[in-house]
Amino acid sequence: MSEELIPDYIKQKKVIRQQNFFRGNAACPGCPIPKELDLLLEVMGKKTVLVVPASCSTVIMGDIHGSPSPVPVVHSAFASAAAIASGLSRQLRIRGEDAKVVVWAGDGATGDIGFAAVSGAAERNEDILYVCYDNEAFMNTGIQRSSLTPFGAWTTTTPAGKREFKKPVPFIMMEHKIPYVATASIAYPFDYQAKLRKAKNMQGFRYIHLLSPCPPGWRFDSSLTIEVAKLAVETGVWPLFEVVNGEFSLTGVSKTFLDKSKRKPVEEYLKLQGRFAKMSEEEIKVFQEAVDLMWEYIKELVKR
């Protein structure tokens, strides 16, 4: 329809949102990463440098034919993203530049191969924002387990289901006494962006841990990404919280989940994902008990 044929009342309601991370990239169907980056760049702005270690995002960022990112991207080895970001931040400060340095890293580069560099940058309180998009396995190289893969989950290296529990990286980062730690979910974009805005306006090491469901790796239909992410929060598997200069608080809908009766049973989250298909009733019970125990710990944090 030509522009002149569109009624005025429709034109008035028409809202065009600027695209901050471009479409047509190499992400899998249903992958939340492009939208997560789009929301991040909307908050951080064009004066941002992304540091991306080896991961799914390395492929999504494009090749010699072009990139969907409107800001500079520094690709790094698995282990060195936090170290490279530290150097970039210091150099930009020396030059008087006001650009923000953001590490965009998966769970493998954060909790496993790159953990020493992450912990070191946090201990030095480097002036960077570190965002871990957590798809709970080494997805880009074949769905191998990481330390952040949850108990009971199938991966190509845990075909019978992982026996160990997920490494609690957000809580570990909290113990580094850095200015800001938060969890987020693509199912709650306003909560995610509010935390990005808060982190943007702070100095020092800021850490956001973003649950990022992966349709092929988690074995669910690509249309269910947001539903799976939402259920992770509603069952209490993924609590939304932030820690500002040591003060812990739940955010958004998670504020109601201190009351266990308000949380959905974990089965509702697990049953949508083929990676948990082999879990026995006893294993599901163990999973539920672990979630309940985490919330008892959270209750103590809230009381402080």
Protein backbone atom coordinates (compact mmCIF):
# COMPACT_ATOMS: atom_id res chain seq x y z
CA MET A 1 0.00 0.00 0.00
CA SER A 2 1.38 3.39 -0.97
CA GLU A 3 1.99 5.94 1.78
CA GLU A 4 -0.76 8.31 0.53
CA LEU A 5 -3.40 5.56 0.83
CA ILE A 6 -2.68 4.87 4.52
CA PRO A 7 -5.34 6.52 6.72
CA ASP A 8 -4.10 9.28 9.04
CA TYR A 9 -5.25 7.45 12.18
CA ILE A 10 -3.02 4.50 11.28
CA LYS A 11 -0.07 6.78 10.54
CA GLN A 12 -0.43 8.37 13.97
CA LYS A 13 -0.24 4.98 15.70
CA LYS A 14 2.65 3.76 13.60
CA VAL A 15 5.78 3.42 15.74
CA ILE A 16 9.08 2.66 14.08
CA ARG A 17 11.71 1.34 16.49
CA GLN A 18 15.33 1.82 15.50
CA GLN A 19 17.08 -1.48 14.89
CA ASN A 20 20.24 -1.74 16.96
CA PHE A 21 21.42 -5.23 15.97
CA PHE A 22 20.55 -6.04 12.39
CA ARG A 23 18.49 -8.95 11.12
CA GLY A 24 19.59 -11.45 8.53
CA ASN A 25 22.37 -12.84 10.71
CA ALA A 26 23.50 -16.43 11.17
CA ALA A 27 21.60 -17.19 14.40
CA CYS A 28 19.54 -20.38 14.57
CA PRO A 29 15.73 -20.10 14.40
CA GLY A 30 14.43 -19.14 17.82
CA CYS A 31 17.84 -18.05 19.10
CA PRO A 32 17.44 -15.17 21.57
CA ILE A 33 20.97 -13.79 21.10
CA PRO A 34 20.16 -11.25 18.35
CA LYS A 35 17.29 -9.79 20.37
CA GLU A 36 19.37 -9.78 23.53
CA LEU A 37 22.07 -7.82 21.72
CA ASP A 38 19.49 -5.51 20.14
CA LEU A 39 18.12 -4.63 23.58
CA LEU A 40 21.63 -4.23 24.99
CA LEU A 41 22.75 -1.83 22.26
CA GLU A 42 19.54 0.17 22.58
CA VAL A 43 20.62 0.97 26.15
CA MET A 44 24.40 1.16 25.72
CA GLY A 45 24.33 3.25 22.55
CA LYS A 46 26.73 3.56 19.64
CA LYS A 47 29.73 4.44 21.82
CA THR A 48 30.18 0.79 22.74
CA VAL A 49 32.90 -1.74 22.00
CA LEU A 50 31.91 -5.41 22.20
CA VAL A 51 34.46 -8.05 23.15
CA VAL A 52 33.23 -11.47 22.02
CA PRO A 53 35.14 -14.67 22.85
CA ALA A 54 34.74 -17.87 20.83
CA SER A 55 31.05 -18.77 20.95
CA CYS A 56 27.81 -18.85 18.97
CA SER A 57 28.02 -15.07 18.84
CA THR A 58 31.31 -15.29 16.94
CA VAL A 59 29.38 -16.81 14.04
CA ILE A 60 26.36 -14.52 14.49
CA MET A 61 28.63 -11.47 14.25
CA GLY A 62 29.25 -12.26 10.60
CA ASP A 63 32.33 -12.55 8.41
CA ILE A 64 34.14 -10.66 5.66
CA HIS A 65 30.81 -10.13 3.90
CA GLY A 66 29.41 -7.99 6.70
CA SER A 67 28.30 -7.86 10.31
CA PRO A 68 24.92 -7.26 11.96
CA SER A 69 26.66 -5.25 14.68
CA PRO A 70 26.63 -1.45 14.30
CA VAL A 71 29.43 -1.09 16.87
CA PRO A 72 33.05 -2.33 16.85
CA VAL A 73 33.54 -5.98 17.77
CA VAL A 74 36.80 -7.45 19.07
CA HIS A 75 36.91 -11.23 18.71
CA SER A 76 38.98 -12.99 21.34
CA ALA A 77 40.09 -16.46 22.33
CA PHE A 78 37.95 -18.31 24.86
CA ALA A 79 40.10 -17.49 27.86
CA SER A 80 41.02 -13.86 27.24
CA ALA A 81 37.86 -11.76 26.79
CA ALA A 82 37.94 -10.19 30.25
CA ALA A 83 41.68 -9.46 29.96
CA ILE A 84 41.29 -7.87 26.52
CA ALA A 85 38.33 -5.81 27.72
CA SER A 86 40.39 -4.62 30.70
CA GLY A 87 43.13 -3.35 28.40
CA LEU A 88 40.65 -1.69 26.05
CA SER A 89 38.91 0.07 28.91
CA ARG A 90 42.16 1.44 30.31
CA GLN A 91 43.38 2.59 26.90
CA LEU A 92 40.10 4.35 26.11
CA ARG A 93 40.26 6.11 29.48
CA ILE A 94 43.84 7.25 28.81
CA ARG A 95 42.73 8.66 25.45
CA GLY A 96 39.81 10.49 27.03
CA GLU A 97 37.19 8.43 25.19
CA ASP A 98 33.82 7.84 26.85
CA ALA A 99 33.01 4.58 25.04
CA LYS A 100 31.75 1.65 27.11
CA VAL A 101 33.46 -1.73 26.91
CA VAL A 102 31.12 -4.71 27.08
CA VAL A 103 32.11 -8.37 27.14
CA TRP A 104 29.45 -10.55 25.50
CA ALA A 105 30.33 -14.14 26.40
CA GLY A 106 28.72 -17.54 26.70
CA ASP A 107 28.75 -19.78 29.75
CA GLY A 108 31.77 -21.78 28.58
CA ALA A 109 33.92 -18.68 28.16
CA THR A 110 32.65 -17.33 31.48
CA GLY A 111 32.36 -20.17 33.96
CA ASP A 112 34.89 -22.57 32.49
CA ILE A 113 37.70 -21.64 30.08
CA GLY A 114 37.69 -17.92 30.84
CA PHE A 115 36.81 -18.00 34.53
CA ALA A 116 40.28 -17.07 35.78
CA ALA A 117 40.33 -13.93 33.63
CA VAL A 118 36.77 -13.01 34.68
CA SER A 119 37.60 -13.42 38.36
CA GLY A 120 40.83 -11.48 37.95
CA ALA A 121 39.11 -8.55 36.22
CA ALA A 122 36.44 -8.52 38.93
CA GLU A 123 39.06 -8.59 41.72
CA ARG A 124 40.81 -5.60 40.09
CA ASN A 125 37.41 -3.90 39.65
CA GLU A 126 38.12 -3.14 36.00
CA ASP A 127 35.72 -0.64 34.45
CA ILE A 128 33.85 -3.02 32.14
CA LEU A 129 30.38 -4.51 31.82
CA TYR A 130 30.47 -8.27 31.52
CA VAL A 131 27.34 -10.00 30.18
CA CYS A 132 27.19 -13.78 30.21
CA TYR A 133 24.47 -15.12 27.91
CA ASP A 134 24.03 -18.54 29.43
CA ASN A 135 22.76 -21.28 27.10
CA GLU A 136 24.09 -23.89 29.53
CA ALA A 137 26.49 -25.78 27.24
CA PHE A 138 29.19 -25.35 24.60
CA MET A 139 26.57 -25.02 21.86
CA ASN A 140 28.68 -23.75 18.98
CA THR A 141 31.04 -26.71 19.02
CA GLY A 142 28.49 -29.50 19.37
CA ILE A 143 26.44 -29.16 22.59
CA GLN A 144 29.10 -30.36 25.04
CA ARG A 145 28.44 -29.92 28.77
CA SER A 146 29.81 -26.91 30.62
CA SER A 147 30.01 -26.33 34.34
CA LEU A 148 26.81 -24.32 33.93
CA THR A 149 24.87 -27.21 32.38
CA PRO A 150 22.15 -28.13 34.90
CA PHE A 151 21.73 -31.45 36.69
CA GLY A 152 20.04 -34.10 34.57
CA ALA A 153 20.52 -32.37 31.23
CA TRP A 154 21.46 -34.32 28.12
CA THR A 155 24.45 -33.08 26.14
CA THR A 156 26.66 -34.89 23.64
CA THR A 157 29.18 -35.49 26.44
CA THR A 158 26.54 -36.37 29.07
CA PRO A 159 24.23 -38.68 27.07
CA ALA A 160 22.69 -40.12 30.25
CA GLY A 161 22.24 -36.68 31.82
CA LYS A 162 24.72 -34.56 33.73
CA ARG A 163 25.38 -35.76 37.30
CA GLU A 164 26.70 -32.47 38.68
CA PHE A 165 24.75 -29.33 39.53
CA LYS A 166 25.03 -25.99 37.74
CA LYS A 167 27.86 -23.76 38.90
CA PRO A 168 26.24 -20.74 40.66
CA VAL A 169 28.29 -18.11 38.84
CA PRO A 170 26.10 -15.06 39.72
CA PHE A 171 26.45 -15.88 43.42
CA ILE A 172 30.19 -16.44 42.99
CA MET A 173 30.53 -13.04 41.32
CA MET A 174 28.58 -11.51 44.18
CA GLU A 175 31.34 -12.68 46.55
CA HIS A 176 33.87 -10.62 44.57
CA LYS A 177 32.32 -7.49 46.16
CA ILE A 178 31.99 -5.74 42.81
CA PRO A 179 29.65 -2.75 42.35
CA TYR A 180 26.93 -4.57 40.45
CA VAL A 181 25.72 -8.14 39.86
CA ALA A 182 22.39 -9.07 38.30
CA THR A 183 20.51 -11.91 36.65
CA ALA A 184 18.17 -11.38 33.71
CA SER A 185 15.97 -13.19 31.21
CA ILE A 186 14.94 -12.50 27.63
CA ALA A 187 11.34 -13.23 28.74
CA TYR A 188 11.46 -10.07 30.88
CA PRO A 189 13.03 -7.45 28.58
CA PHE A 190 12.10 -4.42 30.69
CA ASP A 191 13.80 -5.95 33.73
CA TYR A 192 16.83 -6.77 31.55
CA GLN A 193 17.09 -3.25 30.14
CA ALA A 194 16.56 -1.61 33.54
CA LYS A 195 19.57 -3.55 34.79
CA LEU A 196 21.61 -2.58 31.74
CA ARG A 197 20.81 1.11 32.37
CA LYS A 198 21.84 0.82 35.98
CA ALA A 199 25.09 -0.93 35.04
CA LYS A 200 25.83 1.59 32.29
CA ASN A 201 25.78 4.46 34.76
CA MET A 202 28.09 2.79 37.27
CA GLN A 203 31.89 2.54 37.38
CA GLY A 204 33.94 -0.57 37.98
CA PHE A 205 33.24 -4.21 37.16
CA ARG A 206 29.56 -4.88 36.47
CA TYR A 207 28.24 -8.38 35.82
CA ILE A 208 24.91 -9.45 34.30
CA HIS A 209 24.04 -13.12 33.89
CA LEU A 210 21.40 -13.63 31.22
CA LEU A 211 19.63 -16.97 30.81
CA SER A 212 19.55 -17.63 27.06
CA PRO A 213 17.49 -20.69 26.01
CA CYS A 214 18.86 -22.57 22.99
CA PRO A 215 16.25 -24.44 20.88
CA PRO A 216 18.61 -27.01 19.27
CA GLY A 217 20.71 -27.51 22.40
CA TRP A 218 17.81 -27.68 24.83
CA ARG A 219 15.67 -29.69 22.40
CA PHE A 220 12.53 -27.57 22.15
CA ASP A 221 10.65 -26.07 19.23
CA SER A 222 12.00 -22.72 18.10
CA SER A 223 8.62 -21.06 18.73
CA LEU A 224 8.90 -21.76 22.48
CA THR A 225 12.01 -19.73 23.39
CA ILE A 226 10.19 -17.06 25.38
CA GLU A 227 7.84 -19.57 27.04
CA VAL A 228 10.80 -21.68 28.20
CA ALA A 229 12.63 -18.59 29.47
CA LYS A 230 9.51 -17.44 31.32
CA LEU A 231 8.97 -20.84 32.94
CA ALA A 232 12.57 -20.85 34.18
CA VAL A 233 11.67 -17.77 36.22
CA GLU A 234 8.17 -18.88 37.23
CA THR A 235 9.40 -22.23 38.56
CA GLY A 236 12.17 -20.52 40.53
CA VAL A 237 14.91 -22.23 38.52
CA TRP A 238 16.13 -18.79 37.41
CA PRO A 239 15.59 -16.08 40.06
CA LEU A 240 15.74 -12.47 38.93
CA PHE A 241 17.82 -10.37 41.31
CA GLU A 242 20.44 -7.67 41.56
CA VAL A 243 23.19 -6.80 44.02
CA VAL A 244 24.06 -3.11 44.17
CA ASN A 245 27.19 -2.38 46.19
CA GLY A 246 26.55 -5.46 48.30
CA GLU A 247 22.79 -4.99 48.80
CA PHE A 248 20.80 -7.94 47.50
CA SER A 249 17.23 -7.60 46.21
CA LEU A 250 14.87 -9.66 44.09
CA THR A 251 13.45 -7.93 41.03
CA GLY A 252 10.27 -8.16 38.99
CA VAL A 253 8.07 -11.20 39.35
CA SER A 254 10.71 -13.01 41.41
CA LYS A 255 9.81 -10.81 44.39
CA THR A 256 6.75 -13.02 44.91
CA PHE A 257 8.60 -16.31 44.78
CA LEU A 258 10.03 -16.27 48.28
CA ASP A 259 6.69 -17.92 48.98
CA LYS A 260 7.17 -21.40 47.53
CA SER A 261 3.43 -21.76 46.88
CA LYS A 262 3.72 -19.01 44.27
CA ARG A 263 6.31 -20.94 42.28
CA LYS A 264 5.31 -23.47 39.64
CA PRO A 265 6.71 -27.02 39.98
CA VAL A 266 9.93 -27.56 38.05
CA GLU A 267 8.29 -30.29 35.95
CA GLU A 268 6.53 -27.57 33.94
CA TYR A 269 9.92 -26.21 32.91
CA LEU A 270 11.62 -29.56 32.38
CA LYS A 271 8.90 -31.23 30.31
CA LEU A 272 9.21 -28.73 27.45
CA GLN A 273 12.85 -29.62 26.88
CA GLY A 274 14.05 -32.81 25.26
CA ARG A 275 17.38 -32.55 27.08
CA PHE A 276 15.57 -33.58 30.30
CA ALA A 277 13.51 -36.35 28.70
CA LYS A 278 15.47 -39.15 30.37
CA MET A 279 15.13 -37.80 33.90
CA SER A 280 13.43 -40.18 36.34
CA GLU A 281 10.85 -39.05 38.88
CA GLU A 282 13.51 -39.33 41.56
CA GLU A 283 15.89 -37.10 39.59
CA ILE A 284 13.14 -34.53 39.07
CA LYS A 285 12.58 -34.58 42.83
CA VAL A 286 16.32 -33.97 43.37
CA PHE A 287 16.16 -31.06 40.90
CA GLN A 288 13.19 -29.56 42.76
CA GLU A 289 14.94 -29.94 46.11
CA ALA A 290 18.01 -28.12 44.75
CA VAL A 291 15.83 -25.22 43.56
CA ASP A 292 14.09 -25.03 46.94
CA LEU A 293 17.44 -25.04 48.72
CA MET A 294 18.66 -22.17 46.53
CA TRP A 295 15.60 -20.17 47.56
CA GLU A 296 16.34 -20.80 51.24
CA TYR A 297 19.76 -19.24 50.59
CA ILE A 298 18.08 -16.33 48.81
CA LYS A 299 15.81 -15.79 51.83
CA GLU A 300 18.90 -15.34 53.98
CA LEU A 301 20.36 -12.85 51.50
CA VAL A 302 17.13 -10.84 51.49
CA LYS A 303 17.19 -10.65 55.33
CA ARG A 304 20.67 -9.12 55.45
